[in-house]
């Protein structure tokens, strides 16, 4: 499980990560906790999954200017 902490663009983050698949790693939106979005992942290495989610969000035109944090949970 990973958490994405962001006050803005939450709908876009959910859509982006729900449709994501790379190297067999996927994310499934689970719930919202305050400004945190919780995602289940099939990745065994949660640090790698968090880094992958962060780079995927930063790769978007809206994500490159967004203040957010991705952490293993």
PDB file of N, CA and C in Angstrom:
ATOM      1  N   UNK A   1       0.841  -1.158   0.000  1.00  0.00           N
ATOM      2  CA  UNK A   1       0.000   0.000   0.000  1.00  0.00           C
ATOM      3  C   UNK A   1       0.902   1.241   0.000  1.00  0.00           C
ATOM      4  N   UNK A   2       0.488   2.275  -0.763  1.00  0.00           N
ATOM      5  CA  UNK A   2       1.192   3.549  -0.767  1.00  0.00           C
ATOM      6  C   UNK A   2       0.184   4.663  -0.514  1.00  0.00           C
ATOM      7  N   UNK A   3       0.691   5.807  -0.053  1.00  0.00           N
ATOM      8  CA  UNK A   3      -0.142   6.988   0.133  1.00  0.00           C
ATOM      9  C   UNK A   3       0.426   8.118  -0.707  1.00  0.00           C
ATOM     10  N   UNK A   4      -0.476   8.814  -1.389  1.00  0.00           N
ATOM     11  CA  UNK A   4      -0.111  10.011  -2.129  1.00  0.00           C
ATOM     12  C   UNK A   4      -0.739  11.185  -1.378  1.00  0.00           C
ATOM     13  N   UNK A   5       0.103  12.065  -0.859  1.00  0.00           N
ATOM     14  CA  UNK A   5      -0.373  13.237  -0.134  1.00  0.00           C
ATOM     15  C   UNK A   5      -0.371  14.425  -1.074  1.00  0.00           C
ATOM     16  N   UNK A   6      -1.571  14.901  -1.413  1.00  0.00           N
ATOM     17  CA  UNK A   6      -1.705  16.047  -2.302  1.00  0.00           C
ATOM     18  C   UNK A   6      -3.060  16.699  -2.074  1.00  0.00           C
ATOM     19  N   UNK A   7      -3.045  18.017  -1.951  1.00  0.00           N
ATOM     20  CA  UNK A   7      -4.298  18.739  -1.763  1.00  0.00           C
ATOM     21  C   UNK A   7      -4.977  19.037  -3.102  1.00  0.00           C
ATOM     22  N   UNK A   8      -4.215  19.012  -4.182  1.00  0.00           N
ATOM     23  CA  UNK A   8      -4.727  19.365  -5.511  1.00  0.00           C
ATOM     24  C   UNK A   8      -4.633  18.185  -6.475  1.00  0.00           C
ATOM     25  N   UNK A   9      -5.450  18.243  -7.511  1.00  0.00           N
ATOM     26  CA  UNK A   9      -5.424  17.278  -8.620  1.00  0.00           C
ATOM     27  C   UNK A   9      -5.662  15.836  -8.181  1.00  0.00           C
ATOM     28  N   UNK A  10      -6.416  15.637  -7.132  1.00  0.00           N
ATOM     29  CA  UNK A  10      -6.635  14.282  -6.627  1.00  0.00           C
ATOM     30  C   UNK A  10      -7.350  13.394  -7.639  1.00  0.00           C
ATOM     31  N   UNK A  11      -8.339  13.924  -8.334  1.00  0.00           N
ATOM     32  CA  UNK A  11      -9.057  13.121  -9.337  1.00  0.00           C
ATOM     33  C   UNK A  11      -8.125  12.661 -10.443  1.00  0.00           C
ATOM     34  N   UNK A  12      -7.231  13.531 -10.870  1.00  0.00           N
ATOM     35  CA  UNK A  12      -6.283  13.175 -11.934  1.00  0.00           C
ATOM     36  C   UNK A  12      -5.282  12.127 -11.449  1.00  0.00           C
ATOM     37  N   UNK A  13      -4.846  12.244 -10.199  1.00  0.00           N
ATOM     38  CA  UNK A  13      -3.908  11.268  -9.637  1.00  0.00           C
ATOM     39  C   UNK A  13      -4.578   9.893  -9.561  1.00  0.00           C
ATOM     40  N   UNK A  14      -5.816   9.853  -9.091  1.00  0.00           N
ATOM     41  CA  UNK A  14      -6.547   8.582  -9.002  1.00  0.00           C
ATOM     42  C   UNK A  14      -6.682   7.958 -10.389  1.00  0.00           C
ATOM     43  N   UNK A  15      -7.099   8.750 -11.361  1.00  0.00           N
ATOM     44  CA  UNK A  15      -7.275   8.239 -12.735  1.00  0.00           C
ATOM     45  C   UNK A  15      -5.954   7.739 -13.310  1.00  0.00           C
ATOM     46  N   UNK A  16      -4.900   8.507 -13.113  1.00  0.00           N
ATOM     47  CA  UNK A  16      -3.587   8.151 -13.648  1.00  0.00           C
ATOM     48  C   UNK A  16      -3.075   6.835 -13.058  1.00  0.00           C
ATOM     49  N   UNK A  17      -3.106   6.712 -11.735  1.00  0.00           N
ATOM     50  CA  UNK A  17      -2.532   5.521 -11.113  1.00  0.00           C
ATOM     51  C   UNK A  17      -3.428   4.288 -11.255  1.00  0.00           C
ATOM     52  N   UNK A  18      -4.742   4.475 -11.327  1.00  0.00           N
ATOM     53  CA  UNK A  18      -5.627   3.326 -11.552  1.00  0.00           C
ATOM     54  C   UNK A  18      -5.399   2.696 -12.924  1.00  0.00           C
ATOM     55  N   UNK A  19      -5.023   3.518 -13.914  1.00  0.00           N
ATOM     56  CA  UNK A  19      -4.781   3.026 -15.274  1.00  0.00           C
ATOM     57  C   UNK A  19      -3.329   2.618 -15.503  1.00  0.00           C
ATOM     58  N   UNK A  20      -2.493   2.720 -14.480  1.00  0.00           N
ATOM     59  CA  UNK A  20      -1.059   2.495 -14.616  1.00  0.00           C
ATOM     60  C   UNK A  20      -0.704   1.010 -14.545  1.00  0.00           C
ATOM     61  N   UNK A  21       0.226   0.621 -15.412  1.00  0.00           N
ATOM     62  CA  UNK A  21       0.854  -0.701 -15.310  1.00  0.00           C
ATOM     63  C   UNK A  21       2.219  -0.629 -15.962  1.00  0.00           C
ATOM     64  N   UNK A  22       3.241  -0.972 -15.204  1.00  0.00           N
ATOM     65  CA  UNK A  22       4.608  -1.001 -15.719  1.00  0.00           C
ATOM     66  C   UNK A  22       5.368  -2.093 -14.983  1.00  0.00           C
ATOM     67  N   UNK A  23       6.059  -2.929 -15.726  1.00  0.00           N
ATOM     68  CA  UNK A  23       6.814  -4.041 -15.145  1.00  0.00           C
ATOM     69  C   UNK A  23       5.939  -4.908 -14.247  1.00  0.00           C
ATOM     70  N   UNK A  24       4.660  -5.010 -14.571  1.00  0.00           N
ATOM     71  CA  UNK A  24       3.741  -5.829 -13.802  1.00  0.00           C
ATOM     72  C   UNK A  24       3.227  -5.163 -12.531  1.00  0.00           C
ATOM     73  N   UNK A  25       3.646  -3.927 -12.262  1.00  0.00           N
ATOM     74  CA  UNK A  25       3.209  -3.206 -11.065  1.00  0.00           C
ATOM     75  C   UNK A  25       1.946  -2.417 -11.393  1.00  0.00           C
ATOM     76  N   UNK A  26       0.941  -2.571 -10.545  1.00  0.00           N
ATOM     77  CA  UNK A  26      -0.316  -1.847 -10.712  1.00  0.00           C
ATOM     78  C   UNK A  26      -0.711  -1.188  -9.391  1.00  0.00           C
ATOM     79  N   UNK A  27      -1.579  -0.201  -9.507  1.00  0.00           N
ATOM     80  CA  UNK A  27      -2.113   0.496  -8.337  1.00  0.00           C
ATOM     81  C   UNK A  27      -3.627   0.493  -8.422  1.00  0.00           C
ATOM     82  N   UNK A  28      -4.288   0.351  -7.289  1.00  0.00           N
ATOM     83  CA  UNK A  28      -5.748   0.394  -7.214  1.00  0.00           C
ATOM     84  C   UNK A  28      -6.139   1.348  -6.094  1.00  0.00           C
ATOM     85  N   UNK A  29      -6.918   2.360  -6.451  1.00  0.00           N
ATOM     86  CA  UNK A  29      -7.360   3.334  -5.457  1.00  0.00           C
ATOM     87  C   UNK A  29      -8.196   2.633  -4.399  1.00  0.00           C
ATOM     88  N   UNK A  30      -7.892   2.922  -3.136  1.00  0.00           N
ATOM     89  CA  UNK A  30      -8.584   2.282  -2.032  1.00  0.00           C
ATOM     90  C   UNK A  30      -9.499   3.242  -1.281  1.00  0.00           C
ATOM     91  N   UNK A  31      -8.911   4.362  -0.794  1.00  0.00           N
ATOM     92  CA  UNK A  31      -9.713   5.309  -0.017  1.00  0.00           C
ATOM     93  C   UNK A  31      -8.976   6.627   0.120  1.00  0.00           C
ATOM     94  N   UNK A  32      -9.701   7.608   0.633  1.00  0.00           N
ATOM     95  CA  UNK A  32      -9.146   8.924   0.890  1.00  0.00           C
ATOM     96  C   UNK A  32      -9.116   9.144   2.400  1.00  0.00           C
ATOM     97  N   UNK A  33      -7.989   9.657   2.899  1.00  0.00           N
ATOM     98  CA  UNK A  33      -7.832   9.985   4.316  1.00  0.00           C
ATOM     99  C   UNK A  33      -7.315  11.423   4.387  1.00  0.00           C
ATOM    100  N   UNK A  34      -8.202  12.380   4.585  1.00  0.00           N
ATOM    101  CA  UNK A  34      -7.790  13.783   4.578  1.00  0.00           C
ATOM    102  C   UNK A  34      -7.290  14.159   3.199  1.00  0.00           C
ATOM    103  N   UNK A  35      -6.023  14.612   3.118  1.00  0.00           N
ATOM    104  CA  UNK A  35      -5.449  14.917   1.802  1.00  0.00           C
ATOM    105  C   UNK A  35      -4.673  13.733   1.228  1.00  0.00           C
ATOM    106  N   UNK A  36      -4.702  12.611   1.916  1.00  0.00           N
ATOM    107  CA  UNK A  36      -3.983  11.418   1.459  1.00  0.00           C
ATOM    108  C   UNK A  36      -4.891  10.514   0.632  1.00  0.00           C
ATOM    109  N   UNK A  37      -4.349  10.041  -0.475  1.00  0.00           N
ATOM    110  CA  UNK A  37      -5.017   9.036  -1.299  1.00  0.00           C
ATOM    111  C   UNK A  37      -4.302   7.722  -1.062  1.00  0.00           C
ATOM    112  N   UNK A  38      -5.031   6.695  -0.692  1.00  0.00           N
ATOM    113  CA  UNK A  38      -4.441   5.396  -0.384  1.00  0.00           C
ATOM    114  C   UNK A  38      -4.645   4.469  -1.577  1.00  0.00           C
ATOM    115  N   UNK A  39      -3.550   3.849  -2.027  1.00  0.00           N
ATOM    116  CA  UNK A  39      -3.583   2.927  -3.153  1.00  0.00           C
ATOM    117  C   UNK A  39      -3.028   1.573  -2.732  1.00  0.00           C
ATOM    118  N   UNK A  40      -3.721   0.522  -3.104  1.00  0.00           N
ATOM    119  CA  UNK A  40      -3.189  -0.834  -2.958  1.00  0.00           C
ATOM    120  C   UNK A  40      -2.287  -1.082  -4.155  1.00  0.00           C
ATOM    121  N   UNK A  41      -1.245  -1.850  -3.964  1.00  0.00           N
ATOM    122  CA  UNK A  41      -0.346  -2.186  -5.057  1.00  0.00           C
ATOM    123  C   UNK A  41       0.051  -3.655  -4.964  1.00  0.00           C
ATOM    124  N   UNK A  42       0.357  -4.244  -6.103  1.00  0.00           N
ATOM    125  CA  UNK A  42       0.803  -5.630  -6.119  1.00  0.00           C
ATOM    126  C   UNK A  42       2.324  -5.737  -6.005  1.00  0.00           C
ATOM    127  N   UNK A  43       3.009  -4.614  -5.866  1.00  0.00           N
ATOM    128  CA  UNK A  43       4.472  -4.604  -5.775  1.00  0.00           C
ATOM    129  C   UNK A  43       4.916  -5.126  -4.414  1.00  0.00           C
ATOM    130  N   UNK A  44       5.956  -5.928  -4.423  1.00  0.00           N
ATOM    131  CA  UNK A  44       6.517  -6.429  -3.170  1.00  0.00           C
ATOM    132  C   UNK A  44       7.401  -5.377  -2.512  1.00  0.00           C
ATOM    133  N   UNK A  45       8.110  -4.604  -3.340  1.00  0.00           N
ATOM    134  CA  UNK A  45       8.989  -3.542  -2.846  1.00  0.00           C
ATOM    135  C   UNK A  45       8.207  -2.230  -2.845  1.00  0.00           C
ATOM    136  N   UNK A  46       7.734  -1.823  -1.669  1.00  0.00           N
ATOM    137  CA  UNK A  46       6.896  -0.621  -1.570  1.00  0.00           C
ATOM    138  C   UNK A  46       7.684   0.659  -1.845  1.00  0.00           C
ATOM    139  N   UNK A  47       8.971   0.670  -1.527  1.00  0.00           N
ATOM    140  CA  UNK A  47       9.804   1.841  -1.845  1.00  0.00           C
ATOM    141  C   UNK A  47       9.871   2.036  -3.358  1.00  0.00           C
ATOM    142  N   UNK A  48      10.069   0.955  -4.078  1.00  0.00           N
ATOM    143  CA  UNK A  48      10.122   1.022  -5.543  1.00  0.00           C
ATOM    144  C   UNK A  48       8.773   1.465  -6.094  1.00  0.00           C
ATOM    145  N   UNK A  49       7.692   0.959  -5.539  1.00  0.00           N
ATOM    146  CA  UNK A  49       6.353   1.332  -5.992  1.00  0.00           C
ATOM    147  C   UNK A  49       6.104   2.816  -5.752  1.00  0.00           C
ATOM    148  N   UNK A  50       6.528   3.330  -4.607  1.00  0.00           N
ATOM    149  CA  UNK A  50       6.351   4.747  -4.301  1.00  0.00           C
ATOM    150  C   UNK A  50       7.146   5.620  -5.266  1.00  0.00           C
ATOM    151  N   UNK A  51       8.383   5.234  -5.550  1.00  0.00           N
ATOM    152  CA  UNK A  51       9.211   5.991  -6.499  1.00  0.00           C
ATOM    153  C   UNK A  51       8.610   5.969  -7.899  1.00  0.00           C
ATOM    154  N   UNK A  52       8.068   4.823  -8.288  1.00  0.00           N
ATOM    155  CA  UNK A  52       7.451   4.692  -9.605  1.00  0.00           C
ATOM    156  C   UNK A  52       6.198   5.556  -9.709  1.00  0.00           C
ATOM    157  N   UNK A  53       5.390   5.566  -8.666  1.00  0.00           N
ATOM    158  CA  UNK A  53       4.190   6.404  -8.661  1.00  0.00           C
ATOM    159  C   UNK A  53       4.577   7.879  -8.724  1.00  0.00           C
ATOM    160  N   UNK A  54       5.584   8.261  -7.970  1.00  0.00           N
ATOM    161  CA  UNK A  54       6.022   9.654  -7.954  1.00  0.00           C
ATOM    162  C   UNK A  54       6.533  10.084  -9.325  1.00  0.00           C
ATOM    163  N   UNK A  55       7.353   9.270  -9.953  1.00  0.00           N
ATOM    164  CA  UNK A  55       7.883   9.637 -11.271  1.00  0.00           C
ATOM    165  C   UNK A  55       6.780   9.668 -12.323  1.00  0.00           C
ATOM    166  N   UNK A  56       5.781   8.811 -12.185  1.00  0.00           N
ATOM    167  CA  UNK A  56       4.652   8.803 -13.118  1.00  0.00           C
ATOM    168  C   UNK A  56       3.847  10.092 -12.992  1.00  0.00           C
ATOM    169  N   UNK A  57       3.595  10.529 -11.766  1.00  0.00           N
ATOM    170  CA  UNK A  57       2.853  11.770 -11.550  1.00  0.00           C
ATOM    171  C   UNK A  57       3.671  12.963 -12.045  1.00  0.00           C
ATOM    172  N   UNK A  58       4.962  12.996 -11.723  1.00  0.00           N
ATOM    173  CA  UNK A  58       5.828  14.101 -12.162  1.00  0.00           C
ATOM    174  C   UNK A  58       5.950  14.154 -13.685  1.00  0.00           C
ATOM    175  N   UNK A  59       5.735  13.054 -14.352  1.00  0.00           N
ATOM    176  CA  UNK A  59       5.828  12.997 -15.808  1.00  0.00           C
ATOM    177  C   UNK A  59       4.658  13.645 -16.523  1.00  0.00           C
ATOM    178  N   UNK A  60       3.616  13.968 -15.796  1.00  0.00           N
ATOM    179  CA  UNK A  60       2.452  14.633 -16.386  1.00  0.00           C
ATOM    180  C   UNK A  60       2.692  16.142 -16.417  1.00  0.00           C
ATOM    181  N   UNK A  61       2.062  16.828 -17.376  1.00  0.00           N
ATOM    182  CA  UNK A  61       2.240  18.279 -17.477  1.00  0.00           C
ATOM    183  C   UNK A  61       1.759  18.977 -16.203  1.00  0.00           C
ATOM    184  N   UNK A  62       0.675  18.496 -15.619  1.00  0.00           N
ATOM    185  CA  UNK A  62       0.149  19.086 -14.388  1.00  0.00           C
ATOM    186  C   UNK A  62       0.909  18.603 -13.156  1.00  0.00           C
ATOM    187  N   UNK A  63       1.563  17.463 -13.255  1.00  0.00           N
ATOM    188  CA  UNK A  63       2.272  16.888 -12.108  1.00  0.00           C
ATOM    189  C   UNK A  63       3.638  17.490 -11.873  1.00  0.00           C
ATOM    190  N   UNK A  64       4.226  18.053 -12.929  1.00  0.00           N
ATOM    191  CA  UNK A  64       5.571  18.605 -12.786  1.00  0.00           C
ATOM    192  C   UNK A  64       5.585  19.868 -11.920  1.00  0.00           C
ATOM    193  N   UNK A  65       4.436  20.512 -11.739  1.00  0.00           N
ATOM    194  CA  UNK A  65       4.359  21.724 -10.924  1.00  0.00           C
ATOM    195  C   UNK A  65       3.555  21.499  -9.639  1.00  0.00           C
ATOM    196  N   UNK A  66       3.179  20.269  -9.392  1.00  0.00           N
ATOM    197  CA  UNK A  66       2.331  19.929  -8.258  1.00  0.00           C
ATOM    198  C   UNK A  66       3.190  19.610  -7.032  1.00  0.00           C
ATOM    199  N   UNK A  67       2.785  20.142  -5.866  1.00  0.00           N
ATOM    200  CA  UNK A  67       3.453  19.780  -4.616  1.00  0.00           C
ATOM    201  C   UNK A  67       2.748  18.562  -4.046  1.00  0.00           C
ATOM    202  N   UNK A  68       3.455  17.437  -3.942  1.00  0.00           N
ATOM    203  CA  UNK A  68       2.878  16.211  -3.421  1.00  0.00           C
ATOM    204  C   UNK A  68       3.969  15.328  -2.851  1.00  0.00           C
ATOM    205  N   UNK A  69       3.551  14.282  -2.144  1.00  0.00           N
ATOM    206  CA  UNK A  69       4.478  13.340  -1.533  1.00  0.00           C
ATOM    207  C   UNK A  69       3.907  11.947  -1.712  1.00  0.00           C
ATOM    208  N   UNK A  70       4.767  10.989  -2.005  1.00  0.00           N
ATOM    209  CA  UNK A  70       4.352   9.588  -2.122  1.00  0.00           C
ATOM    210  C   UNK A  70       5.187   8.789  -1.119  1.00  0.00           C
ATOM    211  N   UNK A  71       4.490   8.046  -0.248  1.00  0.00           N
ATOM    212  CA  UNK A  71       5.171   7.274   0.791  1.00  0.00           C
ATOM    213  C   UNK A  71       4.589   5.859   0.876  1.00  0.00           C
ATOM    214  N   UNK A  72       5.433   4.884   1.208  1.00  0.00           N
ATOM    215  CA  UNK A  72       4.908   3.540   1.487  1.00  0.00           C
ATOM    216  C   UNK A  72       4.067   3.582   2.759  1.00  0.00           C
ATOM    217  N   UNK A  73       3.039   2.769   2.804  1.00  0.00           N
ATOM    218  CA  UNK A  73       2.190   2.766   3.998  1.00  0.00           C
ATOM    219  C   UNK A  73       2.060   1.356   4.542  1.00  0.00           C
TER     220      UNK A  73
END
